[in-house]
Amino acid sequence: MLRKIAGVSLLLAATAASAQFGNISPWPGSQSGAAPQETPQVPAQVSPQVTPQAAPIFPARPAAQPAPVPSSIPAPAPAEGPVPGAQPFDYSLNLKSEVFGAHLFTGAFTRGAGSVFNPNHVIAIGDQVQVRLYGAFEYDAVLIVDPQGNVFVPRVGPVRVAGIPNSELQSTLEQSLRRTFRSNVHSYATLAAAQPVRVFVTGFVHRPGMYQGTSSDSVLRYLDQAGGIDPDRGSFLEVQLRRGSQTRATFNLYDFLLTGALPSVQLGDGDAVVVAPRKSTYRVTGLAQNAKRFEFAGTSIDLGRLVALARPQPQATHVRIKRNTGVVSNTEYYAISEAVRLELTDGDEVQFTADKRPGTISVRVEGEHQSAQEYVLPYGSRLGDLVKRIEFSERSDPANIQLYRLSVKERQKTLLQASLKSIESSVLTARSGTGEEAQLRKQEADLILNWVARARGVEPLGQVLVAQAPTRADLLLENGDILRVPVKDGLVLVHGEVLFPNAVAYEERYGAGDYIKRAGGYSQNADTSRIIIAHRDGSFEEGQDSSKVRAGDDVLVLPRVDTKSRQFWKDITQIIFQIAVSAKVILGL
């Protein structure tokens, strides 16, 4: 009877195993559905000695592990950072914004790890507390605050820590310890990790959503993860922290930007950071340190409040106000000192300007003279007034005084850039009839564009021709003018397309060609028909080998340019001449 019962039991067990592990045969060497072999005899009482006949039922195959069941539940999100799948945000948009405060959100708060050692942090359920006991009894472990707000310390029991500040954690544990250990046992407790929380960031931000961090993280960290406040729609003055229907705190980010004040509020799981709609705005341009768009509560403010934030530069004296409300746009103009109580309305634009009348000018005198180097003159002074105050030496050449002016230099630079731009356009739009011609034009274009790039770096001198003017004494001076007194050195400077550019001693009987020979003669790239003689007084003339040269002149030999019957090669020749005249520089190809 016992033998039959044992056989039936083994058969049922094998059948169950076959159902669990698939097509595994219930008996070694049998086919599925075959009759089992005779069951070995099993005594009523099993001996502790294991015999070879007592082998496992399936000796030939190890027990198979159950196949993992696919789960539709996504893996938990990491402890920090945006929700997986969120696209990275381009923080450069905030840096380029004209709204004051948008530059606050550049990803810096997201990259920095939140601190858990805030002494004002309130211990909450889920926080991790490092507890160390030493002395007669030693214990060291990280304990998690349980749902009842306690941590369980061996031999001490539950200690309630939820709701106490981080700064009181040590004293709270010490008080509970003294109820069990009177002496010889000491404690040390600190917050190891704050509870991870998920916080909703919504309202007018770039990327509303749910973001993760810790309960001690700043609200700025969560705003930064959301890409920051949308400068075109969101408010920097009203950022609310809500828990359910209750508003726990309201943040004014202008206070943080200007004074560093930011309320420290501990966040909880499920809290929501809500950015309110943008309030009234006023745009500031011109001479201001903070030329931004500012936000204020209410529909109007005094100009003085805007001045305090915009911080006009010291040279600003007046303010121009453009009224944008209503169907008519009006412009007003006031002195800053008289308009601080002026009322501004939503949408107004304020521009700070410098409205000053010139009182004096500064003119510098350089070269060969024995008087002061810098003169401060009343506005409207003339060249003759300054020349009378200059004390010349025996080597001075007052007849050829040179005047250099910044405004003339800028105009010369503008004209040169316009000519170079025209050459560049002509080269880039030139057409070719064949493939060989196209390749040739490409090589020419590379050569010319390289020359244009070098020509852009040439700085004109800004010289004004005044030496031979009959009314030069009546010429009005400008602030920043430079007056240079030449020296009678008896030299002639030869440069450009010559073999050895050099200064040659002046001889009255020599012509331009003689001085060029003294400098080694023409180079292979010289245009022997294009010689420029720059006189010391600032005048120029196009000469030849026989042209007369005066002491102190510059002889400039221009390079030869193959026109190739194309207009832009002729234009290059003209620009080379223009550079030589305005900068006394020969710029060959």
Protein backbone atom coordinates (compact mmCIF):
# COMPACT_ATOMS: atom_id res chain seq x y z
CA MET A 1 0.00 0.00 0.00
CA LEU A 2 2.80 2.40 0.91
CA ARG A 3 4.60 1.54 -2.31
CA LYS A 4 1.56 2.54 -4.42
CA ILE A 5 1.04 5.79 -2.52
CA ALA A 6 4.70 6.75 -2.97
CA GLY A 7 4.55 5.98 -6.69
CA VAL A 8 1.45 8.08 -7.19
CA SER A 9 3.05 10.99 -5.29
CA LEU A 10 6.20 10.91 -7.40
CA LEU A 11 4.14 10.78 -10.59
CA LEU A 12 2.11 13.82 -9.57
CA ALA A 13 5.29 15.72 -8.70
CA ALA A 14 6.89 14.91 -12.05
CA THR A 15 3.75 15.96 -13.91
CA ALA A 16 3.72 19.31 -12.10
CA ALA A 17 7.39 19.87 -12.89
CA SER A 18 6.75 19.13 -16.54
CA ALA A 19 3.95 21.68 -16.62
CA GLN A 20 6.23 24.29 -15.03
CA PHE A 21 9.40 23.75 -17.09
CA GLY A 22 7.98 23.05 -20.53
CA ASN A 23 8.92 19.93 -22.45
CA ILE A 24 11.23 18.41 -19.81
CA SER A 25 10.54 14.69 -19.61
CA PRO A 26 9.28 13.54 -16.22
CA TRP A 27 11.64 10.58 -16.25
CA PRO A 28 15.21 10.25 -17.55
CA GLY A 29 15.31 8.65 -20.98
CA SER A 30 11.52 8.69 -21.48
CA GLN A 31 9.48 10.47 -24.13
CA SER A 32 6.67 12.80 -23.31
CA GLY A 33 3.62 10.76 -22.46
CA ALA A 34 5.54 7.44 -22.07
CA ALA A 35 4.81 5.14 -19.17
CA PRO A 36 7.09 5.64 -16.17
CA GLN A 37 9.51 2.98 -15.10
CA GLU A 38 9.00 1.02 -11.92
CA THR A 39 9.37 3.17 -8.87
CA PRO A 40 12.22 2.11 -6.53
CA GLN A 41 11.15 1.00 -3.10
CA VAL A 42 11.09 3.70 -0.46
CA PRO A 43 11.23 2.61 3.16
CA ALA A 44 8.78 4.06 5.63
CA GLN A 45 11.61 5.67 7.60
CA VAL A 46 14.37 7.32 5.62
CA SER A 47 17.85 6.47 6.82
CA PRO A 48 20.23 9.32 7.34
CA GLN A 49 22.77 7.54 5.12
CA VAL A 50 22.25 8.65 1.52
CA THR A 51 22.71 5.87 -1.04
CA PRO A 52 23.38 6.21 -4.79
CA GLN A 53 19.79 5.13 -5.49
CA ALA A 54 18.54 8.23 -3.68
CA ALA A 55 19.66 10.58 -6.50
CA PRO A 56 17.44 13.51 -7.58
CA ILE A 57 14.53 12.85 -9.82
CA PHE A 58 16.12 14.82 -12.74
CA PRO A 59 19.84 14.06 -12.51
CA ALA A 60 20.52 14.76 -16.22
CA ARG A 61 19.08 18.30 -16.35
CA PRO A 62 19.51 21.19 -13.94
CA ALA A 63 16.42 22.94 -12.76
CA ALA A 64 15.48 25.68 -15.20
CA GLN A 65 14.86 29.21 -13.93
CA PRO A 66 11.46 30.70 -14.71
CA ALA A 67 11.53 33.09 -17.68
CA PRO A 68 11.38 36.75 -16.69
CA VAL A 69 8.00 38.34 -17.23
CA PRO A 70 8.20 41.53 -19.33
CA SER A 71 7.13 44.54 -17.34
CA SER A 72 5.27 47.53 -18.77
CA ILE A 73 6.25 49.68 -15.78
CA PRO A 74 9.20 51.98 -16.68
CA ALA A 75 12.33 52.01 -14.57
CA PRO A 76 12.40 54.64 -11.84
CA ALA A 77 13.93 57.97 -12.78
CA PRO A 78 17.37 58.88 -11.40
CA ALA A 79 17.59 60.79 -8.17
CA GLU A 80 18.55 64.04 -9.88
CA GLY A 81 18.17 65.71 -13.24
CA PRO A 82 15.22 66.09 -15.60
CA VAL A 83 12.80 63.30 -16.35
CA PRO A 84 14.38 60.77 -18.78
CA GLY A 85 13.52 61.56 -22.37
CA ALA A 86 13.49 65.35 -21.89
CA GLN A 87 15.42 67.16 -24.60
CA PRO A 88 18.39 69.32 -23.52
CA PHE A 89 17.58 73.01 -23.35
CA ASP A 90 19.60 75.69 -25.14
CA TYR A 91 20.44 78.04 -22.28
CA SER A 92 22.04 80.52 -24.70
CA LEU A 93 18.51 81.79 -25.40
CA ASN A 94 18.40 83.16 -21.86
CA LEU A 95 21.79 84.85 -22.24
CA LYS A 96 20.67 86.58 -25.43
CA SER A 97 17.40 87.81 -23.96
CA GLU A 98 16.94 91.54 -23.30
CA VAL A 99 14.83 90.84 -20.19
CA PHE A 100 16.49 91.63 -16.88
CA GLY A 101 16.98 88.40 -14.92
CA ALA A 102 16.85 85.96 -17.84
CA HIS A 103 20.62 85.43 -17.56
CA LEU A 104 20.03 83.88 -14.14
CA PHE A 105 19.12 80.53 -15.70
CA THR A 106 22.13 79.13 -17.57
CA GLY A 107 22.18 75.58 -16.19
CA ALA A 108 24.51 76.46 -13.31
CA PHE A 109 21.93 75.57 -10.64
CA THR A 110 21.24 72.23 -12.34
CA ARG A 111 24.91 71.25 -12.57
CA GLY A 112 25.60 71.99 -8.92
CA ALA A 113 24.63 69.29 -6.40
CA GLY A 114 22.20 70.30 -3.69
CA SER A 115 23.60 70.53 -0.16
CA VAL A 116 22.06 68.40 2.61
CA PHE A 117 23.98 70.10 5.43
CA ASN A 118 21.65 73.04 5.77
CA PRO A 119 21.26 73.57 9.54
CA ASN A 120 17.69 74.76 8.99
CA HIS A 121 16.70 71.61 7.11
CA VAL A 122 13.78 69.93 8.90
CA ILE A 123 14.16 66.18 9.19
CA ALA A 124 11.41 64.45 7.22
CA ILE A 125 10.22 60.91 6.58
CA GLY A 126 12.62 59.17 4.20
CA ASP A 127 15.72 61.16 5.21
CA GLN A 128 18.88 59.16 5.95
CA VAL A 129 20.59 59.80 9.28
CA GLN A 130 24.15 58.68 10.07
CA VAL A 131 24.27 57.46 13.71
CA ARG A 132 27.52 56.56 15.50
CA LEU A 133 27.76 55.30 19.11
CA TYR A 134 31.19 54.88 20.66
CA GLY A 135 32.64 54.12 24.07
CA ALA A 136 31.36 51.15 26.09
CA PHE A 137 28.90 50.36 23.30
CA GLU A 138 29.79 50.84 19.63
CA TYR A 139 27.36 51.17 16.75
CA ASP A 140 27.64 52.75 13.29
CA ALA A 141 24.84 52.72 10.72
CA VAL A 142 22.80 54.85 8.34
CA LEU A 143 19.18 54.85 9.49
CA ILE A 144 16.14 55.86 7.46
CA VAL A 145 13.40 57.88 9.12
CA ASP A 146 10.39 55.53 9.12
CA PRO A 147 6.77 56.51 8.31
CA GLN A 148 6.21 57.24 12.03
CA GLY A 149 9.05 59.78 12.04
CA ASN A 150 11.45 57.62 14.09
CA VAL A 151 14.83 55.97 13.71
CA PHE A 152 15.45 52.76 15.65
CA VAL A 153 18.73 52.69 17.58
CA PRO A 154 19.75 49.33 19.14
CA ARG A 155 19.51 49.24 22.98
CA VAL A 156 17.93 52.69 22.85
CA GLY A 157 14.77 52.06 20.88
CA PRO A 158 12.84 54.40 18.60
CA VAL A 159 13.99 58.01 18.60
CA ARG A 160 11.65 60.57 17.08
CA VAL A 161 13.55 62.90 14.76
CA ALA A 162 10.95 63.99 12.18
CA GLY A 163 10.11 67.66 12.43
CA ILE A 164 13.29 68.80 14.18
CA PRO A 165 15.89 71.03 12.49
CA ASN A 166 19.13 69.50 11.32
CA SER A 167 20.99 71.60 13.88
CA GLU A 168 19.12 69.84 16.75
CA LEU A 169 19.63 66.28 15.51
CA GLN A 170 22.71 65.64 17.65
CA SER A 171 21.14 66.91 20.89
CA THR A 172 17.91 64.95 20.29
CA LEU A 173 19.80 61.66 19.91
CA GLU A 174 21.95 62.45 22.94
CA GLN A 175 18.88 62.98 25.14
CA SER A 176 17.40 59.62 24.11
CA LEU A 177 20.75 57.92 24.64
CA ARG A 178 21.02 59.13 28.23
CA ARG A 179 17.80 57.32 29.15
CA THR A 180 19.60 54.01 28.55
CA PHE A 181 23.30 54.76 29.01
CA ARG A 182 24.20 56.95 31.95
CA SER A 183 27.87 57.26 31.05
CA ASN A 184 30.74 55.89 28.96
CA VAL A 185 28.63 55.88 25.76
CA HIS A 186 28.70 58.85 23.42
CA SER A 187 26.89 59.61 20.17
CA TYR A 188 27.36 61.45 16.92
CA ALA A 189 24.52 62.04 14.45
CA THR A 190 24.33 63.89 11.16
CA LEU A 191 22.06 64.03 8.14
CA ALA A 192 23.49 61.69 5.48
CA ALA A 193 21.01 62.31 2.68
CA ALA A 194 17.80 64.23 2.30
CA GLN A 195 14.68 62.57 0.99
CA PRO A 196 14.45 62.51 -2.83
CA VAL A 197 11.38 64.40 -3.99
CA ARG A 198 9.56 65.07 -7.26
CA VAL A 199 8.49 68.66 -7.79
CA PHE A 200 6.20 70.00 -10.50
CA VAL A 201 7.39 73.14 -12.31
CA THR A 202 4.62 74.83 -14.24
CA GLY A 203 3.32 78.20 -15.30
CA PHE A 204 5.30 80.35 -17.72
CA VAL A 205 8.56 78.39 -17.95
CA HIS A 206 10.30 76.99 -21.01
CA ARG A 207 9.73 73.31 -20.17
CA PRO A 208 6.91 72.65 -17.69
CA GLY A 209 7.09 69.20 -16.13
CA MET A 210 8.05 67.12 -13.11
CA TYR A 211 11.66 67.30 -11.96
CA GLN A 212 13.58 65.42 -9.30
CA GLY A 213 15.95 66.50 -6.58
CA THR A 214 16.04 66.61 -2.81
CA SER A 215 13.86 68.37 -0.30
CA SER A 216 16.68 70.76 0.60
CA ASP A 217 17.30 71.95 -2.98
CA SER A 218 16.57 75.57 -3.82
CA VAL A 219 13.57 76.50 -5.93
CA LEU A 220 16.09 78.00 -8.39
CA ARG A 221 17.40 74.51 -9.09
CA TYR A 222 14.00 73.27 -10.19
CA LEU A 223 13.38 76.39 -12.29
CA ASP A 224 16.77 75.90 -13.93
CA GLN A 225 15.93 72.30 -14.79
CA ALA A 226 12.78 73.58 -16.51
CA GLY A 227 14.88 75.92 -18.69
CA GLY A 228 14.18 78.98 -16.59
CA ILE A 229 11.37 81.50 -16.73
CA ASP A 230 10.05 82.33 -20.19
CA PRO A 231 11.21 85.98 -20.50
CA ASP A 232 8.44 86.87 -22.94
CA ARG A 233 5.57 85.60 -20.76
CA GLY A 234 6.71 84.74 -17.23
CA SER A 235 7.12 86.91 -14.15
CA PHE A 236 10.35 87.25 -12.18
CA LEU A 237 8.44 89.00 -9.39
CA GLU A 238 5.97 86.25 -8.52
CA VAL A 239 7.11 82.63 -8.31
CA GLN A 240 4.87 80.61 -5.98
CA LEU A 241 5.58 77.35 -4.15
CA ARG A 242 2.31 75.48 -3.68
CA ARG A 243 1.33 72.32 -1.83
CA GLY A 244 -2.15 71.39 -2.89
CA SER A 245 -4.31 74.49 -2.71
CA GLN A 246 -2.02 76.20 -0.19
CA THR A 247 0.66 78.72 -1.20
CA ARG A 248 3.66 78.01 1.02
CA ALA A 249 5.96 80.79 -0.22
CA THR A 250 6.26 83.50 -2.89
CA PHE A 251 9.66 84.38 -4.37
CA ASN A 252 10.72 87.69 -5.92
CA LEU A 253 13.78 86.90 -8.02
CA TYR A 254 14.67 90.60 -8.32
CA ASP A 255 15.44 90.49 -4.58
CA PHE A 256 17.82 87.61 -5.21
CA LEU A 257 19.47 89.32 -8.19
CA LEU A 258 19.96 92.66 -6.47
CA THR A 259 20.52 91.75 -2.81
CA GLY A 260 20.96 87.97 -2.73
CA ALA A 261 17.84 87.47 -0.59
CA LEU A 262 16.02 84.17 -1.20
CA PRO A 263 13.69 82.51 1.34
CA SER A 264 14.83 79.02 2.37
CA VAL A 265 11.84 76.71 2.10
CA GLN A 266 11.99 72.93 2.39
CA LEU A 267 10.23 71.20 -0.49
CA GLY A 268 8.09 68.11 -0.29
CA ASP A 269 7.17 65.39 -2.73
CA GLY A 270 4.43 66.64 -5.04
CA ASP A 271 5.01 70.37 -4.42
CA ALA A 272 4.48 72.69 -7.38
CA VAL A 273 6.58 75.70 -8.43
CA VAL A 274 4.27 78.03 -10.36
CA VAL A 275 5.51 81.03 -12.38
CA ALA A 276 2.87 83.75 -12.69
CA PRO A 277 2.19 85.77 -15.88
CA ARG A 278 4.47 88.71 -16.64
CA LYS A 279 3.46 92.05 -15.18
CA SER A 280 4.07 95.58 -16.53
CA THR A 281 7.36 96.01 -18.40
CA TYR A 282 9.54 99.01 -19.33
CA ARG A 283 12.40 98.85 -21.82
CA VAL A 284 15.67 100.72 -21.22
CA THR A 285 18.22 101.53 -23.96
CA GLY A 286 21.07 103.95 -24.48
CA LEU A 287 23.65 105.01 -21.91
CA ALA A 288 22.69 102.63 -19.09
CA GLN A 289 24.65 99.90 -17.34
CA ASN A 290 21.57 97.67 -17.33
CA ALA A 291 20.01 98.33 -20.73
CA LYS A 292 17.32 95.68 -20.28
CA ARG A 293 13.56 95.24 -20.11
CA PHE A 294 12.38 95.53 -16.50
CA GLU A 295 9.24 94.25 -14.82
CA PHE A 296 7.22 96.03 -12.14
CA ALA A 297 4.00 95.29 -10.32
CA GLY A 298 1.14 97.66 -11.04
CA THR A 299 0.27 99.59 -14.16
CA SER A 300 2.55 102.61 -13.60
CA ILE A 301 5.76 103.59 -11.79
CA ASP A 302 7.90 106.67 -11.23
CA LEU A 303 10.94 107.10 -13.48
CA GLY A 304 13.13 107.20 -10.37
CA ARG A 305 12.41 103.53 -9.63
CA LEU A 306 13.46 102.58 -13.13
CA VAL A 307 16.60 104.72 -12.89
CA ALA A 308 17.62 102.85 -9.72
CA LEU A 309 17.57 99.54 -11.61
CA ALA A 310 18.85 100.73 -15.00
CA ARG A 311 21.77 102.69 -13.48
CA PRO A 312 22.49 105.33 -16.17
CA GLN A 313 26.12 105.87 -17.06
CA PRO A 314 27.86 109.00 -15.71
CA GLN A 315 27.80 110.74 -19.09
CA ALA A 316 24.02 110.40 -19.41
CA THR A 317 22.22 113.70 -18.84
CA HIS A 318 18.81 113.38 -20.49
CA VAL A 319 16.13 110.78 -21.06
CA ARG A 320 13.94 110.20 -24.10
CA ILE A 321 10.59 108.52 -23.40
CA LYS A 322 8.52 106.86 -26.08
CA ARG A 323 4.89 106.34 -25.09
CA ASN A 324 3.49 103.18 -26.67
CA THR A 325 0.01 103.11 -25.13
CA GLY A 326 -3.01 104.24 -27.09
CA VAL A 327 -3.42 104.72 -30.82
CA VAL A 328 -0.83 107.53 -31.04
CA SER A 329 2.87 107.09 -30.27
CA ASN A 330 4.37 110.14 -28.54
CA THR A 331 7.99 110.98 -27.66
CA GLU A 332 9.07 113.13 -24.70
CA TYR A 333 12.49 114.50 -23.75
CA TYR A 334 13.60 115.57 -20.26
CA ALA A 335 16.68 116.12 -18.15
CA ILE A 336 17.18 113.14 -15.84
CA SER A 337 17.35 115.34 -12.76
CA GLU A 338 13.97 116.88 -13.57
CA ALA A 339 12.13 113.71 -14.55
CA VAL A 340 12.65 111.32 -11.61
CA ARG A 341 9.02 111.78 -10.53
CA LEU A 342 7.67 111.40 -14.04
CA GLU A 343 5.07 108.63 -14.33
CA LEU A 344 5.67 105.74 -16.72
CA THR A 345 3.02 103.32 -17.94
CA ASP A 346 3.20 99.73 -19.12
CA GLY A 347 5.08 99.38 -22.42
CA ASP A 348 6.97 102.70 -22.33
CA GLU A 349 10.52 102.79 -23.74
CA VAL A 350 13.19 104.87 -22.00
CA GLN A 351 16.48 105.89 -23.64
CA PHE A 352 19.26 107.63 -21.73
CA THR A 353 21.33 110.08 -23.79
CA ALA A 354 24.16 112.58 -23.33
CA ASP A 355 23.05 116.10 -24.26
CA LYS A 356 26.20 118.14 -23.68
CA ARG A 357 27.62 121.27 -25.25
CA PRO A 358 31.37 121.19 -25.97
CA GLY A 359 33.33 123.52 -23.72
CA THR A 360 36.98 122.81 -24.42
CA ILE A 361 38.99 120.61 -26.77
CA SER A 362 42.34 118.86 -26.46
CA VAL A 363 44.94 119.08 -29.24
CA ARG A 364 48.31 117.32 -29.20
CA VAL A 365 51.46 118.83 -30.78
CA GLU A 366 54.17 116.39 -31.85
CA GLY A 367 57.42 116.59 -33.77
CA GLU A 368 60.24 119.11 -33.63
CA HIS A 369 59.37 121.94 -31.21
CA GLN A 370 60.23 123.15 -27.71
CA SER A 371 56.78 123.83 -26.25
CA ALA A 372 54.12 121.75 -24.52
CA GLN A 373 52.87 118.49 -26.04
CA GLU A 374 49.20 118.92 -25.08
CA TYR A 375 47.01 122.00 -25.33
CA VAL A 376 43.50 122.52 -23.98
CA LEU A 377 41.73 125.17 -26.02
CA PRO A 378 38.25 126.68 -25.98
CA TYR A 379 35.77 125.09 -28.33
CA GLY A 380 35.93 126.94 -31.66
CA SER A 381 39.67 127.64 -31.54
CA ARG A 382 41.50 127.88 -34.87
CA LEU A 383 44.79 126.53 -36.13
CA GLY A 384 46.38 129.98 -36.13
CA ASP A 385 45.61 130.37 -32.41
CA LEU A 386 47.54 127.19 -31.64
CA VAL A 387 50.49 127.86 -33.97
CA LYS A 388 51.12 131.17 -32.18
CA ARG A 389 51.62 129.28 -28.91
CA ILE A 390 54.13 126.78 -30.32
CA GLU A 391 57.82 127.52 -29.74
CA PHE A 392 59.77 126.23 -32.78
CA SER A 393 63.42 125.19 -32.77
CA GLU A 394 66.14 125.73 -35.38
CA ARG A 395 65.40 122.31 -36.92
CA SER A 396 61.62 122.86 -37.09
CA ASP A 397 59.89 123.21 -40.45
CA PRO A 398 56.79 125.32 -39.62
CA ALA A 399 56.00 125.89 -43.29
CA ASN A 400 55.08 122.22 -43.71
CA ILE A 401 53.03 121.62 -40.56
CA GLN A 402 50.97 118.41 -40.76
CA LEU A 403 47.48 117.98 -39.33
CA TYR A 404 45.98 114.53 -38.56
CA ARG A 405 42.28 114.32 -37.73
CA LEU A 406 40.26 111.33 -36.44
CA SER A 407 37.14 112.20 -38.41
CA VAL A 408 39.14 112.32 -41.65
CA LYS A 409 40.74 108.98 -40.80
CA GLU A 410 37.32 107.41 -40.33
CA ARG A 411 36.07 108.77 -43.66
CA GLN A 412 39.17 107.49 -45.45
CA LYS A 413 38.66 104.10 -43.86
CA THR A 414 35.01 104.03 -44.93
CA LEU A 415 35.85 104.91 -48.53
CA LEU A 416 38.57 102.27 -48.65
CA GLN A 417 36.26 99.60 -47.27
CA ALA A 418 33.59 100.51 -49.83
CA SER A 419 36.10 100.16 -52.68
CA LEU A 420 37.30 96.80 -51.37
CA LYS A 421 33.71 95.61 -51.04
CA SER A 422 33.08 96.51 -54.67
CA ILE A 423 36.19 94.61 -55.80
CA GLU A 424 35.16 91.59 -53.76
CA SER A 425 31.69 91.55 -55.30
CA SER A 426 33.10 91.85 -58.84
CA VAL A 427 35.46 88.93 -58.31
CA LEU A 428 32.85 86.65 -56.80
CA THR A 429 30.29 87.33 -59.56
CA ALA A 430 32.66 87.02 -62.55
CA ARG A 431 31.47 84.51 -65.16
CA SER A 432 33.50 81.96 -67.14
CA GLY A 433 32.83 80.42 -70.56
CA THR A 434 34.78 77.15 -70.25
CA GLY A 435 36.03 74.83 -67.55
CA GLU A 436 39.64 75.91 -68.07
CA GLU A 437 38.64 79.55 -67.78
CA ALA A 438 36.67 78.78 -64.62
CA GLN A 439 39.74 77.20 -63.04
CA LEU A 440 41.83 80.22 -64.01
CA ARG A 441 39.23 82.60 -62.59
CA LYS A 442 39.19 80.63 -59.34
CA GLN A 443 42.94 81.05 -58.94
CA GLU A 444 42.64 84.75 -59.69
CA ALA A 445 39.80 85.10 -57.21
CA ASP A 446 41.83 83.43 -54.46
CA LEU A 447 44.72 85.80 -55.13
CA ILE A 448 42.52 88.90 -55.14
CA LEU A 449 40.51 87.91 -52.08
CA ASN A 450 43.73 87.35 -50.16
CA TRP A 451 44.89 90.81 -51.18
CA VAL A 452 41.53 92.32 -50.17
CA ALA A 453 41.85 90.71 -46.73
CA ARG A 454 45.27 92.33 -46.27
CA ALA A 455 44.02 95.67 -47.57
CA ARG A 456 41.22 95.72 -45.00
CA GLY A 457 43.84 95.91 -42.26
CA VAL A 458 45.45 99.08 -43.62
CA GLU A 459 44.84 102.10 -41.39
CA PRO A 460 44.70 105.48 -43.16
CA LEU A 461 46.59 108.34 -41.55
CA GLY A 462 43.76 110.87 -41.65
CA GLN A 463 46.08 113.65 -42.80
CA VAL A 464 44.59 117.02 -43.77
CA LEU A 465 46.47 119.05 -46.40
CA VAL A 466 46.92 122.45 -44.74
CA ALA A 467 50.52 123.53 -45.26
CA GLN A 468 50.03 125.42 -48.51
CA ALA A 469 46.49 126.60 -47.81
CA PRO A 470 46.30 130.43 -47.83
CA THR A 471 43.70 130.43 -45.06
CA ARG A 472 45.11 127.62 -42.91
CA ALA A 473 45.18 129.89 -39.86
CA ASP A 474 41.37 130.04 -39.97
CA LEU A 475 40.92 126.26 -39.94
CA LEU A 476 38.78 125.17 -36.98
CA LEU A 477 40.37 122.60 -34.69
CA GLU A 478 38.57 119.48 -33.44
CA ASN A 479 38.96 117.54 -30.25
CA GLY A 480 41.65 114.88 -30.69
CA ASP A 481 43.53 116.64 -33.51
CA ILE A 482 47.26 115.96 -33.79
CA LEU A 483 49.55 118.70 -35.10
CA ARG A 484 52.97 117.45 -36.21
CA VAL A 485 55.93 119.77 -36.82
CA PRO A 486 58.33 118.19 -39.37
CA VAL A 487 62.07 118.24 -38.86
CA LYS A 488 64.55 119.50 -41.44
CA ASP A 489 66.49 116.25 -41.75
CA GLY A 490 67.48 116.48 -45.44
CA LEU A 491 66.36 112.94 -46.28
CA VAL A 492 64.24 111.39 -49.02
CA LEU A 493 62.48 108.09 -48.28
CA VAL A 494 62.24 105.67 -51.21
CA HIS A 495 60.01 102.60 -50.84
CA GLY A 496 57.48 100.45 -52.64
CA GLU A 497 58.58 98.30 -55.60
CA VAL A 498 62.32 98.97 -55.32
CA LEU A 499 65.06 96.50 -54.51
CA PHE A 500 66.31 98.16 -51.32
CA PRO A 501 63.80 100.57 -49.73
CA ASN A 502 65.83 103.16 -47.86
CA ALA A 503 66.27 106.79 -46.82
CA VAL A 504 68.60 108.69 -49.16
CA ALA A 505 70.36 111.98 -48.45
CA TYR A 506 68.76 114.84 -50.34
CA GLU A 507 70.58 116.36 -53.30
CA GLU A 508 68.91 119.19 -55.16
CA ARG A 509 70.17 118.06 -58.58
CA TYR A 510 68.59 114.59 -58.26
CA GLY A 511 65.24 113.66 -59.75
CA ALA A 512 62.92 110.85 -58.66
CA GLY A 513 64.69 108.32 -60.91
CA ASP A 514 68.05 109.11 -59.31
CA TYR A 515 66.73 108.37 -55.84
CA ILE A 516 65.19 105.12 -57.08
CA LYS A 517 68.59 104.10 -58.46
CA ARG A 518 70.12 104.87 -55.06
CA ALA A 519 67.59 102.39 -53.59
CA GLY A 520 68.69 99.60 -55.94
CA GLY A 521 66.42 100.41 -58.84
CA TYR A 522 63.03 99.06 -59.78
CA SER A 523 61.98 95.56 -58.80
CA GLN A 524 60.63 93.10 -61.37
CA ASN A 525 57.08 93.84 -60.23
CA ALA A 526 57.40 97.62 -60.46
CA ASP A 527 55.27 99.84 -62.67
CA THR A 528 57.90 102.26 -63.91
CA SER A 529 55.23 104.62 -65.19
CA ARG A 530 53.47 104.99 -61.81
CA ILE A 531 55.57 106.93 -59.28
CA ILE A 532 53.99 108.88 -56.43
CA ILE A 533 55.87 111.71 -54.73
CA ALA A 534 54.44 112.49 -51.29
CA HIS A 535 55.55 115.88 -50.02
CA ARG A 536 56.09 116.65 -46.39
CA ASP A 537 53.19 119.11 -46.31
CA GLY A 538 50.73 116.30 -47.14
CA SER A 539 50.35 116.95 -50.86
CA PHE A 540 50.91 114.28 -53.53
CA GLU A 541 51.80 114.24 -57.18
CA GLU A 542 52.16 111.48 -59.76
CA GLY A 543 55.62 111.77 -61.26
CA GLN A 544 58.22 110.19 -63.50
CA ASP A 545 61.94 109.56 -63.28
CA SER A 546 62.66 113.20 -64.07
CA SER A 547 60.20 114.64 -61.54
CA LYS A 548 61.55 117.13 -59.03
CA VAL A 549 61.91 115.96 -55.42
CA ARG A 550 62.09 118.15 -52.29
CA ALA A 551 63.83 117.42 -49.02
CA GLY A 552 61.65 115.28 -46.74
CA ASP A 553 59.60 113.79 -49.59
CA ASP A 554 58.57 110.15 -49.94
CA VAL A 555 59.04 108.45 -53.31
CA LEU A 556 56.60 105.54 -53.71
CA VAL A 557 56.88 103.10 -56.61
CA LEU A 558 53.60 101.32 -57.34
CA PRO A 559 53.40 97.64 -58.36
CA ARG A 560 52.52 96.56 -61.87
CA VAL A 561 49.06 95.04 -62.20
CA ASP A 562 48.09 92.94 -65.24
CA THR A 563 44.63 94.24 -66.10
CA LYS A 564 43.74 91.18 -68.23
CA SER A 565 41.00 93.31 -69.81
CA ARG A 566 38.83 92.92 -66.71
CA GLN A 567 37.40 95.89 -64.89
CA PHE A 568 38.23 94.70 -61.37
CA TRP A 569 41.96 94.58 -62.19
CA LYS A 570 41.73 98.24 -63.15
CA ASP A 571 39.87 98.89 -59.91
CA ILE A 572 42.67 97.21 -57.96
CA THR A 573 45.16 99.58 -59.55
CA GLN A 574 43.04 102.51 -58.40
CA ILE A 575 42.77 101.15 -54.85
CA ILE A 576 46.54 100.60 -54.65
CA PHE A 577 46.95 104.26 -55.54
CA GLN A 578 44.29 105.21 -52.96
CA ILE A 579 46.07 103.26 -50.20
CA ALA A 580 49.40 104.80 -51.12
CA VAL A 581 47.99 108.31 -50.84
CA SER A 582 45.96 107.84 -47.64
CA ALA A 583 48.32 105.56 -45.69
CA LYS A 584 51.69 105.95 -47.48
CA VAL A 585 51.76 102.16 -47.80
CA ILE A 586 52.38 100.17 -51.00
CA LEU A 587 50.25 97.01 -50.91
CA GLY A 588 51.11 94.78 -53.86
CA LEU A 589 49.43 91.56 -54.91
